[in-house]
Amino acid sequence: MSNKSYFSKKTTNDYTVAFYNLENLFDTLDDPNTLDEDFLPDSEKRWNRKRYDNKIFKLGTVISNIGFSKTRKAPILVGVAEVENKKVLEDLTGSKHLKNKDYGIVHFDSPDERGIDVGLLYQKQHFEVTHSESIVVLVDSQKGDRDYTRDILWVTGNLNNEKIHVLINHWPSRRDGAALTSYKRVAAAEKNREVIGQITSEDPGAKIIIMGDFNDDPSSESIRHLVQNDLFNPMERLLTRYSGSTSYRSQWNLFDQIIFSHNFHKYEKGKHCFSDASIFNDDFLKIYKGRYKGNPFRTYVGKKYKGGYSDHFPVSVRLKLN
């Protein structure tokens, strides 16, 4: 490679926006207000400092590499899910491969019973936060009791001096069955639609990115309700029989998605436009042999420690600054 082509790659105007479910990034301390007992040194999982430090290091390695092959830089925005608190995000952004990226953190505690939240990491040199808040998602269980789920994180800021809104989600799980719990994810989609309506009523031309672990695929009712006519989902074509962001019982799903307003297709000087979308599933993130070869190399399978990264692959979109 010549010096000229090397330096041209280093000065690319392409930027990565990513989302990553970190699979239970808990610290090793007991929080009396949440159900975090599985992730303590004396639990069956034996979640200790050594395992925690190993996971932090590995997740930092992954995040620093998302989109790097095309943009030559770490992602400027990273939405994350399944984090216990702000401290674990501080440890993550201070880890070996991220500490020189100068990531800021936006995080609020959610009412989720296990204490897991969503958050946003952003490179301070590229993104300036002007507003952030936590949006409560109210859903009931089948018994009529409130189901305490993750809040939506709404962050507004200037991305390379262009105003954008980011909504980060982690929708209710399918644990009691996909069909039985579908109404909860439709309710979460409706709450996002309310926020989008609030944004566009004040600024009809607002640029909006919605990302998260939606616990539903692009073709699901909840995602269709979210997208409607004013959003674009570039992830629709990425789910196949052989590829997705997470796998369950030998079937791929694409629960992790990044969706955005159509104005990211516009070419305007000084503005960002959409280039492509991808699943970051490099070989080092996969199980390399056996029955589950090719699946995400996860930290735990049940109570059994595997020492991997996450049970989800990250997803990303590439934006070009015109």
C-alpha atoms as a PDB file:
ATOM      1  CA  MET A   1       0.000   0.000   0.000  1.00  0.00           C
ATOM      2  CA  SER A   2       1.407   3.400  -0.938  1.00  0.00           C
ATOM      3  CA  ASN A   3       1.669   6.213   1.591  1.00  0.00           C
ATOM      4  CA  LYS A   4      -0.822   8.226  -0.460  1.00  0.00           C
ATOM      5  CA  SER A   5      -3.566   5.581  -0.290  1.00  0.00           C
ATOM      6  CA  TYR A   6      -2.853   4.954   3.399  1.00  0.00           C
ATOM      7  CA  PHE A   7      -3.304   8.594   4.339  1.00  0.00           C
ATOM      8  CA  SER A   8      -6.391   8.973   2.159  1.00  0.00           C
ATOM      9  CA  LYS A   9      -7.975   6.163   4.157  1.00  0.00           C
ATOM     10  CA  LYS A  10      -7.029   7.850   7.419  1.00  0.00           C
ATOM     11  CA  THR A  11      -8.866  11.021   6.430  1.00  0.00           C
ATOM     12  CA  THR A  12     -12.085   9.384   5.266  1.00  0.00           C
ATOM     13  CA  ASN A  13     -15.348  11.260   5.821  1.00  0.00           C
ATOM     14  CA  ASP A  14     -17.117   8.002   6.661  1.00  0.00           C
ATOM     15  CA  TYR A  15     -18.329   7.391  10.212  1.00  0.00           C
ATOM     16  CA  THR A  16     -19.753   4.352  11.983  1.00  0.00           C
ATOM     17  CA  VAL A  17     -22.847   4.361  14.196  1.00  0.00           C
ATOM     18  CA  ALA A  18     -23.212   1.077  16.074  1.00  0.00           C
ATOM     19  CA  PHE A  19     -25.428  -0.825  18.474  1.00  0.00           C
ATOM     20  CA  TYR A  20     -24.282  -3.677  20.719  1.00  0.00           C
ATOM     21  CA  ASN A  21     -26.088  -5.799  23.305  1.00  0.00           C
ATOM     22  CA  LEU A  22     -23.261  -6.505  25.759  1.00  0.00           C
ATOM     23  CA  GLU A  23     -24.858  -9.605  27.374  1.00  0.00           C
ATOM     24  CA  ASN A  24     -25.204  -8.892  31.069  1.00  0.00           C
ATOM     25  CA  LEU A  25     -22.403  -6.436  31.736  1.00  0.00           C
ATOM     26  CA  PHE A  26     -22.727  -6.517  35.526  1.00  0.00           C
ATOM     27  CA  ASP A  27     -20.184  -5.449  38.106  1.00  0.00           C
ATOM     28  CA  THR A  28     -19.336  -7.866  40.947  1.00  0.00           C
ATOM     29  CA  LEU A  29     -21.075  -5.891  43.709  1.00  0.00           C
ATOM     30  CA  ASP A  30     -24.531  -6.591  45.135  1.00  0.00           C
ATOM     31  CA  ASP A  31     -27.113  -3.915  44.408  1.00  0.00           C
ATOM     32  CA  PRO A  32     -29.848  -4.354  47.054  1.00  0.00           C
ATOM     33  CA  ASN A  33     -32.410  -2.673  44.778  1.00  0.00           C
ATOM     34  CA  THR A  34     -32.122  -5.083  41.834  1.00  0.00           C
ATOM     35  CA  LEU A  35     -32.099  -8.795  41.091  1.00  0.00           C
ATOM     36  CA  ASP A  36     -28.389  -9.046  40.319  1.00  0.00           C
ATOM     37  CA  GLU A  37     -27.686 -12.111  42.498  1.00  0.00           C
ATOM     38  CA  ASP A  38     -26.606 -14.242  39.506  1.00  0.00           C
ATOM     39  CA  PHE A  39     -23.649 -11.936  38.912  1.00  0.00           C
ATOM     40  CA  LEU A  40     -21.831 -12.051  42.220  1.00  0.00           C
ATOM     41  CA  PRO A  41     -18.639 -13.916  43.234  1.00  0.00           C
ATOM     42  CA  ASP A  42     -20.582 -16.345  45.457  1.00  0.00           C
ATOM     43  CA  SER A  43     -23.311 -17.105  42.890  1.00  0.00           C
ATOM     44  CA  GLU A  44     -23.527 -20.279  40.802  1.00  0.00           C
ATOM     45  CA  LYS A  45     -22.013 -18.310  37.921  1.00  0.00           C
ATOM     46  CA  ARG A  46     -19.039 -17.307  40.065  1.00  0.00           C
ATOM     47  CA  TRP A  47     -18.935 -13.849  38.505  1.00  0.00           C
ATOM     48  CA  ASN A  48     -15.684 -12.441  39.866  1.00  0.00           C
ATOM     49  CA  ARG A  49     -13.256  -9.605  39.169  1.00  0.00           C
ATOM     50  CA  LYS A  50     -11.074 -11.660  36.826  1.00  0.00           C
ATOM     51  CA  ARG A  51     -14.060 -12.611  34.649  1.00  0.00           C
ATOM     52  CA  TYR A  52     -15.373  -9.061  34.725  1.00  0.00           C
ATOM     53  CA  ASP A  53     -12.020  -7.584  33.670  1.00  0.00           C
ATOM     54  CA  ASN A  54     -11.749 -10.156  30.883  1.00  0.00           C
ATOM     55  CA  LYS A  55     -15.192  -9.233  29.556  1.00  0.00           C
ATOM     56  CA  ILE A  56     -14.456  -5.497  29.725  1.00  0.00           C
ATOM     57  CA  PHE A  57     -11.239  -6.016  27.755  1.00  0.00           C
ATOM     58  CA  LYS A  58     -12.953  -8.156  25.138  1.00  0.00           C
ATOM     59  CA  LEU A  59     -15.908  -5.810  24.647  1.00  0.00           C
ATOM     60  CA  GLY A  60     -13.501  -2.886  24.239  1.00  0.00           C
ATOM     61  CA  THR A  61     -11.665  -4.865  21.558  1.00  0.00           C
ATOM     62  CA  VAL A  62     -14.922  -5.453  19.686  1.00  0.00           C
ATOM     63  CA  ILE A  63     -16.191  -1.868  19.854  1.00  0.00           C
ATOM     64  CA  SER A  64     -12.876  -0.421  18.664  1.00  0.00           C
ATOM     65  CA  ASN A  65     -13.094  -2.629  15.561  1.00  0.00           C
ATOM     66  CA  ILE A  66     -16.714  -2.072  14.500  1.00  0.00           C
ATOM     67  CA  GLY A  67     -16.622  -0.456  11.067  1.00  0.00           C
ATOM     68  CA  PHE A  68     -12.862   0.150  11.264  1.00  0.00           C
ATOM     69  CA  SER A  69     -12.084  -1.656   8.014  1.00  0.00           C
ATOM     70  CA  LYS A  70     -14.138   0.914   6.084  1.00  0.00           C
ATOM     71  CA  THR A  71     -13.848   4.121   8.111  1.00  0.00           C
ATOM     72  CA  ARG A  72     -10.366   3.666   9.662  1.00  0.00           C
ATOM     73  CA  LYS A  73     -11.756   4.833  12.997  1.00  0.00           C
ATOM     74  CA  ALA A  74     -13.770   3.504  15.929  1.00  0.00           C
ATOM     75  CA  PRO A  75     -17.544   4.178  15.929  1.00  0.00           C
ATOM     76  CA  ILE A  76     -18.518   7.753  16.788  1.00  0.00           C
ATOM     77  CA  LEU A  77     -21.799   6.633  18.394  1.00  0.00           C
ATOM     78  CA  VAL A  78     -22.396   3.288  20.114  1.00  0.00           C
ATOM     79  CA  GLY A  79     -25.757   2.406  21.628  1.00  0.00           C
ATOM     80  CA  VAL A  80     -25.447  -0.355  24.222  1.00  0.00           C
ATOM     81  CA  ALA A  81     -27.861  -2.623  26.089  1.00  0.00           C
ATOM     82  CA  GLU A  82     -27.664  -4.900  29.144  1.00  0.00           C
ATOM     83  CA  VAL A  83     -25.409  -2.707  31.271  1.00  0.00           C
ATOM     84  CA  GLU A  84     -25.910  -2.604  35.037  1.00  0.00           C
ATOM     85  CA  ASN A  85     -24.877   0.982  35.737  1.00  0.00           C
ATOM     86  CA  LYS A  86     -22.751   3.910  34.632  1.00  0.00           C
ATOM     87  CA  LYS A  87     -19.665   2.526  36.386  1.00  0.00           C
ATOM     88  CA  VAL A  88     -19.426  -0.488  34.070  1.00  0.00           C
ATOM     89  CA  LEU A  89     -19.554   1.902  31.096  1.00  0.00           C
ATOM     90  CA  GLU A  90     -16.786   3.993  32.654  1.00  0.00           C
ATOM     91  CA  ASP A  91     -14.705   0.826  33.009  1.00  0.00           C
ATOM     92  CA  LEU A  92     -15.481  -0.078  29.397  1.00  0.00           C
ATOM     93  CA  THR A  93     -14.562   3.315  27.950  1.00  0.00           C
ATOM     94  CA  GLY A  94     -11.407   3.290  30.090  1.00  0.00           C
ATOM     95  CA  SER A  95     -10.313  -0.128  28.818  1.00  0.00           C
ATOM     96  CA  LYS A  96      -7.169  -0.674  26.755  1.00  0.00           C
ATOM     97  CA  HIS A  97      -8.634  -0.297  23.267  1.00  0.00           C
ATOM     98  CA  LEU A  98     -11.067   2.531  24.035  1.00  0.00           C
ATOM     99  CA  LYS A  99      -9.308   4.810  26.516  1.00  0.00           C
ATOM    100  CA  ASN A 100      -7.650   6.861  23.774  1.00  0.00           C
ATOM    101  CA  LYS A 101     -10.976   7.368  21.909  1.00  0.00           C
ATOM    102  CA  ASP A 102     -12.267   9.874  24.509  1.00  0.00           C
ATOM    103  CA  TYR A 103     -15.781   8.439  24.701  1.00  0.00           C
ATOM    104  CA  GLY A 104     -18.429  10.270  26.673  1.00  0.00           C
ATOM    105  CA  ILE A 105     -21.319   8.407  28.303  1.00  0.00           C
ATOM    106  CA  VAL A 106     -25.063   9.034  28.512  1.00  0.00           C
ATOM    107  CA  HIS A 107     -26.807   6.703  30.966  1.00  0.00           C
ATOM    108  CA  PHE A 108     -29.871   6.664  33.213  1.00  0.00           C
ATOM    109  CA  ASP A 109     -30.956   3.900  35.589  1.00  0.00           C
ATOM    110  CA  SER A 110     -34.003   2.030  34.289  1.00  0.00           C
ATOM    111  CA  PRO A 111     -36.719   0.410  36.417  1.00  0.00           C
ATOM    112  CA  ASP A 112     -35.900  -3.050  34.978  1.00  0.00           C
ATOM    113  CA  GLU A 113     -36.050  -5.579  37.821  1.00  0.00           C
ATOM    114  CA  ARG A 114     -32.618  -7.025  37.027  1.00  0.00           C
ATOM    115  CA  GLY A 115     -31.149  -3.542  36.883  1.00  0.00           C
ATOM    116  CA  ILE A 116     -30.047  -3.650  33.245  1.00  0.00           C
ATOM    117  CA  ASP A 117     -30.123  -0.431  31.247  1.00  0.00           C
ATOM    118  CA  VAL A 118     -29.287   1.052  27.877  1.00  0.00           C
ATOM    119  CA  GLY A 119     -26.663   3.712  27.265  1.00  0.00           C
ATOM    120  CA  LEU A 120     -24.857   5.752  24.641  1.00  0.00           C
ATOM    121  CA  LEU A 121     -21.117   6.059  24.105  1.00  0.00           C
ATOM    122  CA  TYR A 122     -20.054   8.975  21.924  1.00  0.00           C
ATOM    123  CA  GLN A 123     -16.747  10.339  20.728  1.00  0.00           C
ATOM    124  CA  LYS A 124     -16.561  13.815  22.207  1.00  0.00           C
ATOM    125  CA  GLN A 125     -14.593  15.235  19.284  1.00  0.00           C
ATOM    126  CA  HIS A 126     -17.457  14.354  16.919  1.00  0.00           C
ATOM    127  CA  PHE A 127     -20.623  14.568  19.026  1.00  0.00           C
ATOM    128  CA  GLU A 128     -21.837  17.218  21.444  1.00  0.00           C
ATOM    129  CA  VAL A 129     -24.799  16.272  23.672  1.00  0.00           C
ATOM    130  CA  THR A 130     -27.364  19.063  23.969  1.00  0.00           C
ATOM    131  CA  HIS A 131     -30.233  17.133  25.591  1.00  0.00           C
ATOM    132  CA  SER A 132     -30.813  13.714  27.138  1.00  0.00           C
ATOM    133  CA  GLU A 133     -33.683  12.084  28.970  1.00  0.00           C
ATOM    134  CA  SER A 134     -35.107   8.725  29.908  1.00  0.00           C
ATOM    135  CA  ILE A 135     -38.539   7.804  28.505  1.00  0.00           C
ATOM    136  CA  VAL A 136     -40.591   5.314  30.535  1.00  0.00           C
ATOM    137  CA  VAL A 137     -42.216   2.411  28.664  1.00  0.00           C
ATOM    138  CA  LEU A 138     -45.386   1.349  30.484  1.00  0.00           C
ATOM    139  CA  VAL A 139     -46.460  -2.253  29.813  1.00  0.00           C
ATOM    140  CA  ASP A 140     -48.422  -4.751  31.877  1.00  0.00           C
ATOM    141  CA  SER A 141     -47.822  -8.450  32.354  1.00  0.00           C
ATOM    142  CA  GLN A 142     -50.505 -10.940  31.321  1.00  0.00           C
ATOM    143  CA  LYS A 143     -51.670 -10.910  34.941  1.00  0.00           C
ATOM    144  CA  GLY A 144     -52.289  -7.167  34.761  1.00  0.00           C
ATOM    145  CA  ASP A 145     -49.313  -6.116  36.900  1.00  0.00           C
ATOM    146  CA  ARG A 146     -46.787  -3.606  35.646  1.00  0.00           C
ATOM    147  CA  ASP A 147     -43.904  -5.205  33.773  1.00  0.00           C
ATOM    148  CA  TYR A 148     -40.849  -3.133  34.636  1.00  0.00           C
ATOM    149  CA  THR A 149     -38.809  -2.904  31.450  1.00  0.00           C
ATOM    150  CA  ARG A 150     -36.019  -0.739  30.122  1.00  0.00           C
ATOM    151  CA  ASP A 151     -36.597   2.962  29.475  1.00  0.00           C
ATOM    152  CA  ILE A 152     -35.919   4.498  26.068  1.00  0.00           C
ATOM    153  CA  LEU A 153     -32.840   6.726  26.072  1.00  0.00           C
ATOM    154  CA  TRP A 154     -33.412   9.901  24.046  1.00  0.00           C
ATOM    155  CA  VAL A 155     -30.258  11.871  23.229  1.00  0.00           C
ATOM    156  CA  THR A 156     -30.115  15.007  21.083  1.00  0.00           C
ATOM    157  CA  GLY A 157     -26.814  16.437  19.954  1.00  0.00           C
ATOM    158  CA  ASN A 158     -24.608  17.787  17.216  1.00  0.00           C
ATOM    159  CA  LEU A 159     -22.874  15.137  15.135  1.00  0.00           C
ATOM    160  CA  ASN A 160     -20.027  16.906  13.351  1.00  0.00           C
ATOM    161  CA  ASN A 161     -22.130  20.080  13.816  1.00  0.00           C
ATOM    162  CA  GLU A 162     -25.333  18.515  12.424  1.00  0.00           C
ATOM    163  CA  LYS A 163     -28.264  18.181  14.834  1.00  0.00           C
ATOM    164  CA  ILE A 164     -29.580  14.636  15.245  1.00  0.00           C
ATOM    165  CA  HIS A 165     -31.824  12.737  17.668  1.00  0.00           C
ATOM    166  CA  VAL A 166     -30.953   9.226  18.856  1.00  0.00           C
ATOM    167  CA  LEU A 167     -33.408   6.843  20.553  1.00  0.00           C
ATOM    168  CA  ILE A 168     -31.860   3.756  22.169  1.00  0.00           C
ATOM    169  CA  ASN A 169     -34.096   0.813  23.032  1.00  0.00           C
ATOM    170  CA  HIS A 170     -34.142  -2.602  24.644  1.00  0.00           C
ATOM    171  CA  TRP A 171     -37.663  -3.938  24.240  1.00  0.00           C
ATOM    172  CA  PRO A 172     -39.419  -6.555  26.419  1.00  0.00           C
ATOM    173  CA  SER A 173     -38.170 -10.091  25.901  1.00  0.00           C
ATOM    174  CA  ARG A 174     -39.833 -13.116  24.322  1.00  0.00           C
ATOM    175  CA  ARG A 175     -39.199 -15.236  27.394  1.00  0.00           C
ATOM    176  CA  ASP A 176     -42.865 -16.226  27.819  1.00  0.00           C
ATOM    177  CA  GLY A 177     -43.301 -16.795  24.085  1.00  0.00           C
ATOM    178  CA  ALA A 178     -43.017 -14.489  21.067  1.00  0.00           C
ATOM    179  CA  ALA A 179     -46.748 -14.369  20.317  1.00  0.00           C
ATOM    180  CA  LEU A 180     -47.852 -13.975  23.946  1.00  0.00           C
ATOM    181  CA  THR A 181     -45.474 -11.086  24.570  1.00  0.00           C
ATOM    182  CA  SER A 182     -45.801  -9.331  21.197  1.00  0.00           C
ATOM    183  CA  TYR A 183     -48.178  -6.700  22.612  1.00  0.00           C
ATOM    184  CA  LYS A 184     -45.429  -5.450  24.928  1.00  0.00           C
ATOM    185  CA  ARG A 185     -43.083  -4.740  22.039  1.00  0.00           C
ATOM    186  CA  VAL A 186     -45.881  -3.086  20.072  1.00  0.00           C
ATOM    187  CA  ALA A 187     -46.406  -0.823  23.101  1.00  0.00           C
ATOM    188  CA  ALA A 188     -42.685   0.013  23.100  1.00  0.00           C
ATOM    189  CA  ALA A 189     -42.920   0.815  19.382  1.00  0.00           C
ATOM    190  CA  GLU A 190     -45.878   3.102  20.091  1.00  0.00           C
ATOM    191  CA  LYS A 191     -43.896   4.967  22.760  1.00  0.00           C
ATOM    192  CA  ASN A 192     -41.115   5.534  20.207  1.00  0.00           C
ATOM    193  CA  ARG A 193     -43.725   6.831  17.758  1.00  0.00           C
ATOM    194  CA  GLU A 194     -44.894   9.306  20.423  1.00  0.00           C
ATOM    195  CA  VAL A 195     -41.354  10.631  20.863  1.00  0.00           C
ATOM    196  CA  ILE A 196     -40.843  10.830  17.092  1.00  0.00           C
ATOM    197  CA  GLY A 197     -44.119  12.771  16.827  1.00  0.00           C
ATOM    198  CA  GLN A 198     -42.951  15.158  19.538  1.00  0.00           C
ATOM    199  CA  ILE A 199     -39.635  15.713  17.731  1.00  0.00           C
ATOM    200  CA  THR A 200     -41.124  16.263  14.271  1.00  0.00           C
ATOM    201  CA  SER A 201     -43.906  18.538  15.533  1.00  0.00           C
ATOM    202  CA  GLU A 202     -41.196  20.958  16.653  1.00  0.00           C
ATOM    203  CA  ASP A 203     -38.830  20.267  13.744  1.00  0.00           C
ATOM    204  CA  PRO A 204     -40.420  18.576  10.682  1.00  0.00           C
ATOM    205  CA  GLY A 205     -36.999  18.081   9.100  1.00  0.00           C
ATOM    206  CA  ALA A 206     -35.393  16.447  12.154  1.00  0.00           C
ATOM    207  CA  LYS A 207     -32.879  13.683  11.538  1.00  0.00           C
ATOM    208  CA  ILE A 208     -33.630  10.718  13.782  1.00  0.00           C
ATOM    209  CA  ILE A 209     -31.825   7.428  14.479  1.00  0.00           C
ATOM    210  CA  ILE A 210     -33.637   4.654  16.392  1.00  0.00           C
ATOM    211  CA  MET A 211     -31.499   1.725  17.484  1.00  0.00           C
ATOM    212  CA  GLY A 212     -31.713  -1.150  19.883  1.00  0.00           C
ATOM    213  CA  ASP A 213     -32.304  -4.767  20.741  1.00  0.00           C
ATOM    214  CA  PHE A 214     -35.956  -4.906  19.781  1.00  0.00           C
ATOM    215  CA  ASN A 215     -36.398  -8.630  20.541  1.00  0.00           C
ATOM    216  CA  ASP A 216     -38.236  -8.766  17.210  1.00  0.00           C
ATOM    217  CA  ASP A 217     -37.134  -9.175  13.609  1.00  0.00           C
ATOM    218  CA  PRO A 218     -37.522  -6.534  10.864  1.00  0.00           C
ATOM    219  CA  SER A 219     -40.701  -8.242   9.611  1.00  0.00           C
ATOM    220  CA  SER A 220     -42.384  -8.358  13.051  1.00  0.00           C
ATOM    221  CA  GLU A 221     -45.545  -6.382  13.790  1.00  0.00           C
ATOM    222  CA  SER A 222     -43.795  -4.134  16.324  1.00  0.00           C
ATOM    223  CA  ILE A 223     -41.021  -3.110  13.913  1.00  0.00           C
ATOM    224  CA  ARG A 224     -43.490  -2.494  11.092  1.00  0.00           C
ATOM    225  CA  HIS A 225     -45.477  -0.280  13.479  1.00  0.00           C
ATOM    226  CA  LEU A 226     -42.301   1.610  14.375  1.00  0.00           C
ATOM    227  CA  VAL A 227     -41.075   2.139  10.810  1.00  0.00           C
ATOM    228  CA  GLN A 228     -44.353   3.079   9.043  1.00  0.00           C
ATOM    229  CA  ASN A 229     -43.826   5.515   6.137  1.00  0.00           C
ATOM    230  CA  ASP A 230     -41.428   8.040   7.629  1.00  0.00           C
ATOM    231  CA  LEU A 231     -38.544   5.754   8.647  1.00  0.00           C
ATOM    232  CA  PHE A 232     -36.193   3.436   6.779  1.00  0.00           C
ATOM    233  CA  ASN A 233     -34.894   0.108   8.079  1.00  0.00           C
ATOM    234  CA  PRO A 234     -31.661  -0.860   6.283  1.00  0.00           C
ATOM    235  CA  MET A 235     -31.481  -4.066   8.329  1.00  0.00           C
ATOM    236  CA  GLU A 236     -34.355  -5.750   6.459  1.00  0.00           C
ATOM    237  CA  ARG A 237     -32.052  -7.366   3.911  1.00  0.00           C
ATOM    238  CA  LEU A 238     -29.453  -8.558   6.415  1.00  0.00           C
ATOM    239  CA  LEU A 239     -31.473 -11.358   8.036  1.00  0.00           C
ATOM    240  CA  THR A 240     -31.112 -14.700   6.226  1.00  0.00           C
ATOM    241  CA  ARG A 241     -31.277 -18.378   7.111  1.00  0.00           C
ATOM    242  CA  TYR A 242     -27.512 -18.234   7.626  1.00  0.00           C
ATOM    243  CA  SER A 243     -26.950 -14.827   9.170  1.00  0.00           C
ATOM    244  CA  GLY A 244     -28.336 -12.562  11.882  1.00  0.00           C
ATOM    245  CA  SER A 245     -27.276 -10.846  15.094  1.00  0.00           C
ATOM    246  CA  THR A 246     -28.291 -13.609  17.515  1.00  0.00           C
ATOM    247  CA  SER A 247     -29.210 -17.282  17.233  1.00  0.00           C
ATOM    248  CA  TYR A 248     -31.737 -19.337  19.190  1.00  0.00           C
ATOM    249  CA  ARG A 249     -32.346 -23.042  18.660  1.00  0.00           C
ATOM    250  CA  SER A 250     -30.420 -22.998  15.385  1.00  0.00           C
ATOM    251  CA  GLN A 251     -32.478 -20.148  13.967  1.00  0.00           C
ATOM    252  CA  TRP A 252     -31.040 -16.709  13.230  1.00  0.00           C
ATOM    253  CA  ASN A 253     -32.768 -13.542  14.354  1.00  0.00           C
ATOM    254  CA  LEU A 254     -31.959  -9.900  13.723  1.00  0.00           C
ATOM    255  CA  PHE A 255     -33.229  -8.349  16.940  1.00  0.00           C
ATOM    256  CA  ASP A 256     -30.480  -5.707  16.843  1.00  0.00           C
ATOM    257  CA  GLN A 257     -31.327  -2.988  14.356  1.00  0.00           C
ATOM    258  CA  ILE A 258     -30.589   0.623  13.446  1.00  0.00           C
ATOM    259  CA  ILE A 259     -33.465   2.510  11.813  1.00  0.00           C
ATOM    260  CA  PHE A 260     -33.538   6.135  10.698  1.00  0.00           C
ATOM    261  CA  SER A 261     -35.494   8.937   9.063  1.00  0.00           C
ATOM    262  CA  HIS A 262     -35.541   9.116   5.253  1.00  0.00           C
ATOM    263  CA  ASN A 263     -33.616  12.389   5.197  1.00  0.00           C
ATOM    264  CA  PHE A 264     -30.422  10.388   5.779  1.00  0.00           C
ATOM    265  CA  HIS A 265     -30.765   9.502   2.074  1.00  0.00           C
ATOM    266  CA  LYS A 266     -30.410  13.165   1.074  1.00  0.00           C
ATOM    267  CA  TYR A 267     -27.112  14.443  -0.226  1.00  0.00           C
ATOM    268  CA  GLU A 268     -26.472  17.864   1.333  1.00  0.00           C
ATOM    269  CA  LYS A 269     -23.176  19.633   1.889  1.00  0.00           C
ATOM    270  CA  GLY A 270     -22.072  19.408   5.517  1.00  0.00           C
ATOM    271  CA  LYS A 271     -24.715  16.754   6.314  1.00  0.00           C
ATOM    272  CA  HIS A 272     -24.533  13.014   6.919  1.00  0.00           C
ATOM    273  CA  CYS A 273     -26.075  10.544   4.497  1.00  0.00           C
ATOM    274  CA  PHE A 274     -26.528   6.784   4.727  1.00  0.00           C
ATOM    275  CA  SER A 275     -23.960   4.592   3.002  1.00  0.00           C
ATOM    276  CA  ASP A 276     -24.548   0.981   4.117  1.00  0.00           C
ATOM    277  CA  ALA A 277     -25.533  -1.280   7.003  1.00  0.00           C
ATOM    278  CA  SER A 278     -23.847  -4.410   8.313  1.00  0.00           C
ATOM    279  CA  ILE A 279     -23.625  -7.030  11.026  1.00  0.00           C
ATOM    280  CA  PHE A 280     -20.173  -7.109  12.630  1.00  0.00           C
ATOM    281  CA  ASN A 281     -19.557 -10.850  12.789  1.00  0.00           C
ATOM    282  CA  ASP A 282     -15.825 -11.301  12.257  1.00  0.00           C
ATOM    283  CA  ASP A 283     -14.529 -14.790  12.985  1.00  0.00           C
ATOM    284  CA  PHE A 284     -13.031 -13.877  16.378  1.00  0.00           C
ATOM    285  CA  LEU A 285     -16.584 -13.184  17.641  1.00  0.00           C
ATOM    286  CA  LYS A 286     -17.855 -16.642  16.690  1.00  0.00           C
ATOM    287  CA  ILE A 287     -17.780 -20.136  18.156  1.00  0.00           C
ATOM    288  CA  TYR A 288     -15.188 -21.791  15.940  1.00  0.00           C
ATOM    289  CA  LYS A 289     -16.136 -25.480  16.131  1.00  0.00           C
ATOM    290  CA  GLY A 290     -18.805 -27.959  17.148  1.00  0.00           C
ATOM    291  CA  ARG A 291     -22.571 -27.949  16.951  1.00  0.00           C
ATOM    292  CA  TYR A 292     -22.867 -24.168  17.409  1.00  0.00           C
ATOM    293  CA  LYS A 293     -20.049 -23.205  15.062  1.00  0.00           C
ATOM    294  CA  GLY A 294     -20.630 -19.697  13.687  1.00  0.00           C
ATOM    295  CA  ASN A 295     -22.876 -18.560  16.545  1.00  0.00           C
ATOM    296  CA  PRO A 296     -21.856 -15.621  18.764  1.00  0.00           C
ATOM    297  CA  PHE A 297     -19.154 -16.616  21.267  1.00  0.00           C
ATOM    298  CA  ARG A 298     -20.919 -15.697  24.465  1.00  0.00           C
ATOM    299  CA  THR A 299     -19.838 -15.128  28.054  1.00  0.00           C
ATOM    300  CA  TYR A 300     -22.186 -17.696  29.605  1.00  0.00           C
ATOM    301  CA  VAL A 301     -24.401 -20.516  28.431  1.00  0.00           C
ATOM    302  CA  GLY A 302     -26.805 -20.872  31.329  1.00  0.00           C
ATOM    303  CA  LYS A 303     -24.627 -21.067  34.422  1.00  0.00           C
ATOM    304  CA  LYS A 304     -21.592 -22.317  32.480  1.00  0.00           C
ATOM    305  CA  TYR A 305     -18.830 -19.780  31.913  1.00  0.00           C
ATOM    306  CA  LYS A 306     -17.487 -19.719  28.354  1.00  0.00           C
ATOM    307  CA  GLY A 307     -15.410 -16.543  28.509  1.00  0.00           C
ATOM    308  CA  GLY A 308     -16.641 -15.060  25.242  1.00  0.00           C
ATOM    309  CA  TYR A 309     -17.904 -11.645  24.210  1.00  0.00           C
ATOM    310  CA  SER A 310     -21.702 -11.551  23.948  1.00  0.00           C
ATOM    311  CA  ASP A 311     -24.637 -13.632  22.754  1.00  0.00           C
ATOM    312  CA  HIS A 312     -25.286 -10.890  20.159  1.00  0.00           C
ATOM    313  CA  PHE A 313     -23.215  -9.563  17.285  1.00  0.00           C
ATOM    314  CA  PRO A 314     -23.044  -5.768  17.019  1.00  0.00           C
ATOM    315  CA  VAL A 315     -24.746  -4.041  14.091  1.00  0.00           C
ATOM    316  CA  SER A 316     -23.785  -0.778  12.443  1.00  0.00           C
ATOM    317  CA  VAL A 317     -24.508   1.747   9.732  1.00  0.00           C
ATOM    318  CA  ARG A 318     -21.940   3.792   7.867  1.00  0.00           C
ATOM    319  CA  LEU A 319     -22.647   7.488   7.372  1.00  0.00           C
ATOM    320  CA  LYS A 320     -20.821   9.717   4.930  1.00  0.00           C
ATOM    321  CA  LEU A 321     -20.273  13.391   5.780  1.00  0.00           C
ATOM    322  CA  ASN A 322     -20.709  15.313   2.545  1.00  0.00           C
END
